[in-house]
């Protein structure tokens, strides 16, 4: 039996001791709270002002105009529920996978906007911050994606086993 299996680790075995902190439950909890908390924090203004969020989505010029209202109503919920699941510790691998996919889509959308030369607000944390689509936004999303990847590979939760898969 390998060390990873003996220690109860769900992810790959980390041979060098300097990398074992990645599989630590504390590291997993910090990553879950950062990723989930970021999405929860960013979603409340979107839920309260879907018409403003629709205007921001329109600025990307990616979706057909008939889909913008639907996206402005559903996307905050698609972000909020897995974010809450990460913070609480329910279905953490699935929630992190969904949020990592969303972050990858956001990076792709930002790259497309930058290639088109558009100067728009990213809409991530509106109206609290009015960040423009750019390299800082892409870097922030990539860092969040790496944190979500840690949760996908080494899922951790402090809930009892019977509550993890509600």
C-alpha atoms as a PDB file:
ATOM      1  CA  UNK A   1       0.000   0.000   0.000  1.00  0.00           C
ATOM      2  CA  UNK A   2       1.365   3.418  -0.932  1.00  0.00           C
ATOM      3  CA  UNK A   3       1.826   6.262   1.514  1.00  0.00           C
ATOM      4  CA  UNK A   4      -1.015   8.214  -0.120  1.00  0.00           C
ATOM      5  CA  UNK A   5      -3.388   5.305   0.421  1.00  0.00           C
ATOM      6  CA  UNK A   6      -2.186   4.808   4.013  1.00  0.00           C
ATOM      7  CA  UNK A   7      -2.692   8.455   4.884  1.00  0.00           C
ATOM      8  CA  UNK A   8      -6.195   8.371   3.402  1.00  0.00           C
ATOM      9  CA  UNK A   9      -5.292  10.841   0.666  1.00  0.00           C
ATOM     10  CA  UNK A  10      -7.664  10.908  -2.266  1.00  0.00           C
ATOM     11  CA  UNK A  11      -5.217  12.618  -4.600  1.00  0.00           C
ATOM     12  CA  UNK A  12      -1.873  11.657  -6.095  1.00  0.00           C
ATOM     13  CA  UNK A  13       1.069  10.718  -3.938  1.00  0.00           C
ATOM     14  CA  UNK A  14       3.458  13.604  -3.252  1.00  0.00           C
ATOM     15  CA  UNK A  15       6.964  12.160  -2.851  1.00  0.00           C
ATOM     16  CA  UNK A  16       9.003  15.217  -1.811  1.00  0.00           C
ATOM     17  CA  UNK A  17       8.109  16.380   1.672  1.00  0.00           C
ATOM     18  CA  UNK A  18       8.304  20.012   0.590  1.00  0.00           C
ATOM     19  CA  UNK A  19       5.128  19.536  -1.507  1.00  0.00           C
ATOM     20  CA  UNK A  20       3.051  17.626   1.075  1.00  0.00           C
ATOM     21  CA  UNK A  21       1.445  20.826   2.339  1.00  0.00           C
ATOM     22  CA  UNK A  22      -0.595  20.842  -0.890  1.00  0.00           C
ATOM     23  CA  UNK A  23      -2.511  17.757   0.268  1.00  0.00           C
ATOM     24  CA  UNK A  24      -3.052  19.107   3.792  1.00  0.00           C
ATOM     25  CA  UNK A  25      -6.668  19.491   4.948  1.00  0.00           C
ATOM     26  CA  UNK A  26      -5.780  23.005   6.122  1.00  0.00           C
ATOM     27  CA  UNK A  27      -4.572  23.953   2.646  1.00  0.00           C
ATOM     28  CA  UNK A  28      -7.747  22.455   1.223  1.00  0.00           C
ATOM     29  CA  UNK A  29      -9.909  24.437   3.636  1.00  0.00           C
ATOM     30  CA  UNK A  30      -8.113  27.684   2.776  1.00  0.00           C
ATOM     31  CA  UNK A  31      -8.508  27.019  -0.964  1.00  0.00           C
ATOM     32  CA  UNK A  32     -12.182  26.135  -0.544  1.00  0.00           C
ATOM     33  CA  UNK A  33     -12.850  29.298   1.452  1.00  0.00           C
ATOM     34  CA  UNK A  34     -10.961  31.549  -0.980  1.00  0.00           C
ATOM     35  CA  UNK A  35     -12.618  30.196  -4.130  1.00  0.00           C
ATOM     36  CA  UNK A  36     -16.091  29.744  -2.658  1.00  0.00           C
ATOM     37  CA  UNK A  37     -15.947  33.016  -0.749  1.00  0.00           C
ATOM     38  CA  UNK A  38     -14.866  34.934  -3.849  1.00  0.00           C
ATOM     39  CA  UNK A  39     -17.845  33.680  -5.821  1.00  0.00           C
ATOM     40  CA  UNK A  40     -20.289  34.304  -2.967  1.00  0.00           C
ATOM     41  CA  UNK A  41     -18.941  37.830  -2.455  1.00  0.00           C
ATOM     42  CA  UNK A  42     -19.134  38.602  -6.175  1.00  0.00           C
ATOM     43  CA  UNK A  43     -22.662  37.248  -6.605  1.00  0.00           C
ATOM     44  CA  UNK A  44     -24.806  39.313  -4.276  1.00  0.00           C
ATOM     45  CA  UNK A  45     -24.756  42.519  -6.385  1.00  0.00           C
ATOM     46  CA  UNK A  46     -25.483  40.404  -9.477  1.00  0.00           C
ATOM     47  CA  UNK A  47     -28.487  38.843  -7.759  1.00  0.00           C
ATOM     48  CA  UNK A  48     -29.793  42.207  -6.555  1.00  0.00           C
ATOM     49  CA  UNK A  49     -29.303  44.067  -9.856  1.00  0.00           C
ATOM     50  CA  UNK A  50     -29.696  41.602 -12.735  1.00  0.00           C
ATOM     51  CA  UNK A  51     -30.495  44.427 -15.179  1.00  0.00           C
ATOM     52  CA  UNK A  52     -27.084  46.034 -14.539  1.00  0.00           C
ATOM     53  CA  UNK A  53     -25.391  42.671 -14.786  1.00  0.00           C
ATOM     54  CA  UNK A  54     -27.170  42.134 -18.132  1.00  0.00           C
ATOM     55  CA  UNK A  55     -25.694  45.418 -19.367  1.00  0.00           C
ATOM     56  CA  UNK A  56     -22.206  44.224 -18.374  1.00  0.00           C
ATOM     57  CA  UNK A  57     -22.729  40.878 -20.122  1.00  0.00           C
ATOM     58  CA  UNK A  58     -23.852  42.737 -23.253  1.00  0.00           C
ATOM     59  CA  UNK A  59     -20.551  44.634 -23.247  1.00  0.00           C
ATOM     60  CA  UNK A  60     -18.638  41.416 -23.899  1.00  0.00           C
ATOM     61  CA  UNK A  61     -20.488  41.008 -27.219  1.00  0.00           C
ATOM     62  CA  UNK A  62     -20.303  37.217 -27.032  1.00  0.00           C
ATOM     63  CA  UNK A  63     -23.891  36.129 -26.392  1.00  0.00           C
ATOM     64  CA  UNK A  64     -26.811  36.686 -28.711  1.00  0.00           C
ATOM     65  CA  UNK A  65     -28.996  39.509 -27.384  1.00  0.00           C
ATOM     66  CA  UNK A  66     -31.856  37.071 -26.715  1.00  0.00           C
ATOM     67  CA  UNK A  67     -29.642  35.120 -24.294  1.00  0.00           C
ATOM     68  CA  UNK A  68     -28.319  38.036 -22.245  1.00  0.00           C
ATOM     69  CA  UNK A  69     -31.257  38.341 -19.835  1.00  0.00           C
ATOM     70  CA  UNK A  70     -31.303  34.594 -19.259  1.00  0.00           C
ATOM     71  CA  UNK A  71     -27.571  34.642 -18.543  1.00  0.00           C
ATOM     72  CA  UNK A  72     -27.868  37.599 -16.162  1.00  0.00           C
ATOM     73  CA  UNK A  73     -30.506  35.762 -14.146  1.00  0.00           C
ATOM     74  CA  UNK A  74     -29.033  32.240 -14.125  1.00  0.00           C
ATOM     75  CA  UNK A  75     -25.263  32.815 -14.033  1.00  0.00           C
ATOM     76  CA  UNK A  76     -25.199  34.296 -10.508  1.00  0.00           C
ATOM     77  CA  UNK A  77     -27.029  31.221  -9.193  1.00  0.00           C
ATOM     78  CA  UNK A  78     -24.695  28.886 -11.097  1.00  0.00           C
ATOM     79  CA  UNK A  79     -21.822  30.666  -9.324  1.00  0.00           C
ATOM     80  CA  UNK A  80     -23.447  31.059  -5.902  1.00  0.00           C
ATOM     81  CA  UNK A  81     -24.575  27.487  -5.245  1.00  0.00           C
ATOM     82  CA  UNK A  82     -21.204  25.788  -5.885  1.00  0.00           C
ATOM     83  CA  UNK A  83     -19.477  28.626  -4.037  1.00  0.00           C
ATOM     84  CA  UNK A  84     -21.665  27.974  -1.009  1.00  0.00           C
ATOM     85  CA  UNK A  85     -21.058  24.227  -1.347  1.00  0.00           C
ATOM     86  CA  UNK A  86     -17.302  24.845  -1.260  1.00  0.00           C
ATOM     87  CA  UNK A  87     -17.539  27.011   1.846  1.00  0.00           C
ATOM     88  CA  UNK A  88     -19.837  24.566   3.641  1.00  0.00           C
ATOM     89  CA  UNK A  89     -17.948  21.488   2.441  1.00  0.00           C
ATOM     90  CA  UNK A  90     -20.661  19.688   0.490  1.00  0.00           C
ATOM     91  CA  UNK A  91     -19.703  17.947  -2.787  1.00  0.00           C
ATOM     92  CA  UNK A  92     -16.461  19.928  -2.847  1.00  0.00           C
ATOM     93  CA  UNK A  93     -14.875  18.180  -5.837  1.00  0.00           C
ATOM     94  CA  UNK A  94     -17.937  18.729  -8.051  1.00  0.00           C
ATOM     95  CA  UNK A  95     -18.355  22.343  -6.919  1.00  0.00           C
ATOM     96  CA  UNK A  96     -14.679  23.111  -7.515  1.00  0.00           C
ATOM     97  CA  UNK A  97     -14.814  21.465 -10.945  1.00  0.00           C
ATOM     98  CA  UNK A  98     -17.821  23.567 -11.967  1.00  0.00           C
ATOM     99  CA  UNK A  99     -16.224  26.792 -10.722  1.00  0.00           C
ATOM    100  CA  UNK A 100     -12.905  25.954 -12.422  1.00  0.00           C
ATOM    101  CA  UNK A 101     -14.823  25.479 -15.680  1.00  0.00           C
ATOM    102  CA  UNK A 102     -16.527  28.839 -15.214  1.00  0.00           C
ATOM    103  CA  UNK A 103     -13.182  30.480 -14.503  1.00  0.00           C
ATOM    104  CA  UNK A 104     -11.756  28.966 -17.692  1.00  0.00           C
ATOM    105  CA  UNK A 105     -14.732  30.358 -19.631  1.00  0.00           C
ATOM    106  CA  UNK A 106     -14.187  33.779 -18.024  1.00  0.00           C
ATOM    107  CA  UNK A 107     -10.513  33.716 -19.011  1.00  0.00           C
ATOM    108  CA  UNK A 108     -11.517  32.846 -22.579  1.00  0.00           C
ATOM    109  CA  UNK A 109     -14.103  35.634 -22.659  1.00  0.00           C
ATOM    110  CA  UNK A 110     -11.565  38.133 -21.330  1.00  0.00           C
ATOM    111  CA  UNK A 111      -8.995  37.071 -23.915  1.00  0.00           C
ATOM    112  CA  UNK A 112     -11.588  37.491 -26.672  1.00  0.00           C
ATOM    113  CA  UNK A 113     -12.499  40.977 -25.413  1.00  0.00           C
ATOM    114  CA  UNK A 114      -8.825  41.959 -25.285  1.00  0.00           C
ATOM    115  CA  UNK A 115      -8.215  40.637 -28.818  1.00  0.00           C
ATOM    116  CA  UNK A 116     -11.155  42.707 -30.062  1.00  0.00           C
ATOM    117  CA  UNK A 117      -9.732  45.804 -28.391  1.00  0.00           C
ATOM    118  CA  UNK A 118     -12.833  46.494 -26.287  1.00  0.00           C
ATOM    119  CA  UNK A 119     -12.485  48.503 -23.083  1.00  0.00           C
ATOM    120  CA  UNK A 120     -15.209  47.256 -20.740  1.00  0.00           C
ATOM    121  CA  UNK A 121     -15.745  46.564 -17.067  1.00  0.00           C
ATOM    122  CA  UNK A 122     -15.308  42.894 -16.250  1.00  0.00           C
ATOM    123  CA  UNK A 123     -18.462  42.815 -14.099  1.00  0.00           C
ATOM    124  CA  UNK A 124     -16.823  40.509 -11.574  1.00  0.00           C
ATOM    125  CA  UNK A 125     -17.345  42.519  -8.406  1.00  0.00           C
ATOM    126  CA  UNK A 126     -19.603  45.339  -9.631  1.00  0.00           C
ATOM    127  CA  UNK A 127     -20.563  47.887  -8.290  1.00  0.00           C
ATOM    128  CA  UNK A 128     -17.939  47.530  -5.547  1.00  0.00           C
ATOM    129  CA  UNK A 129     -15.013  47.454  -7.980  1.00  0.00           C
ATOM    130  CA  UNK A 130     -15.006  48.517 -11.602  1.00  0.00           C
ATOM    131  CA  UNK A 131     -12.085  46.461 -12.859  1.00  0.00           C
ATOM    132  CA  UNK A 132     -11.504  46.584 -16.571  1.00  0.00           C
ATOM    133  CA  UNK A 133     -11.030  43.412 -18.576  1.00  0.00           C
ATOM    134  CA  UNK A 134      -7.287  42.920 -18.780  1.00  0.00           C
ATOM    135  CA  UNK A 135      -4.300  40.922 -17.672  1.00  0.00           C
ATOM    136  CA  UNK A 136      -4.974  41.507 -13.962  1.00  0.00           C
ATOM    137  CA  UNK A 137      -8.409  39.924 -14.299  1.00  0.00           C
ATOM    138  CA  UNK A 138      -7.001  36.981 -16.243  1.00  0.00           C
ATOM    139  CA  UNK A 139      -4.270  36.476 -13.635  1.00  0.00           C
ATOM    140  CA  UNK A 140      -6.806  36.610 -10.780  1.00  0.00           C
ATOM    141  CA  UNK A 141      -8.984  34.017 -12.512  1.00  0.00           C
ATOM    142  CA  UNK A 142      -5.993  31.758 -13.188  1.00  0.00           C
ATOM    143  CA  UNK A 143      -4.966  31.909  -9.514  1.00  0.00           C
ATOM    144  CA  UNK A 144      -8.519  31.040  -8.466  1.00  0.00           C
ATOM    145  CA  UNK A 145      -8.464  28.212 -11.015  1.00  0.00           C
ATOM    146  CA  UNK A 146      -5.266  26.824  -9.441  1.00  0.00           C
ATOM    147  CA  UNK A 147      -6.869  26.981  -5.997  1.00  0.00           C
ATOM    148  CA  UNK A 148      -9.914  25.140  -7.361  1.00  0.00           C
ATOM    149  CA  UNK A 149      -7.576  22.560  -8.901  1.00  0.00           C
ATOM    150  CA  UNK A 150      -6.118  21.885  -5.454  1.00  0.00           C
ATOM    151  CA  UNK A 151      -9.637  21.159  -4.179  1.00  0.00           C
ATOM    152  CA  UNK A 152     -10.362  18.898  -7.155  1.00  0.00           C
ATOM    153  CA  UNK A 153      -7.198  16.827  -6.642  1.00  0.00           C
ATOM    154  CA  UNK A 154      -7.202  16.768  -2.816  1.00  0.00           C
ATOM    155  CA  UNK A 155     -10.782  17.389  -1.681  1.00  0.00           C
ATOM    156  CA  UNK A 156     -11.123  18.096   2.026  1.00  0.00           C
ATOM    157  CA  UNK A 157     -14.010  18.863   4.283  1.00  0.00           C
ATOM    158  CA  UNK A 158     -14.608  18.979   7.997  1.00  0.00           C
ATOM    159  CA  UNK A 159     -18.144  17.608   7.736  1.00  0.00           C
ATOM    160  CA  UNK A 160     -19.003  14.049   8.759  1.00  0.00           C
ATOM    161  CA  UNK A 161     -18.995  11.599   5.833  1.00  0.00           C
ATOM    162  CA  UNK A 162     -22.780  11.216   5.783  1.00  0.00           C
ATOM    163  CA  UNK A 163     -23.225  14.985   5.138  1.00  0.00           C
ATOM    164  CA  UNK A 164     -20.653  15.350   2.360  1.00  0.00           C
ATOM    165  CA  UNK A 165     -22.848  14.121  -0.509  1.00  0.00           C
ATOM    166  CA  UNK A 166     -26.272  15.555   0.257  1.00  0.00           C
END
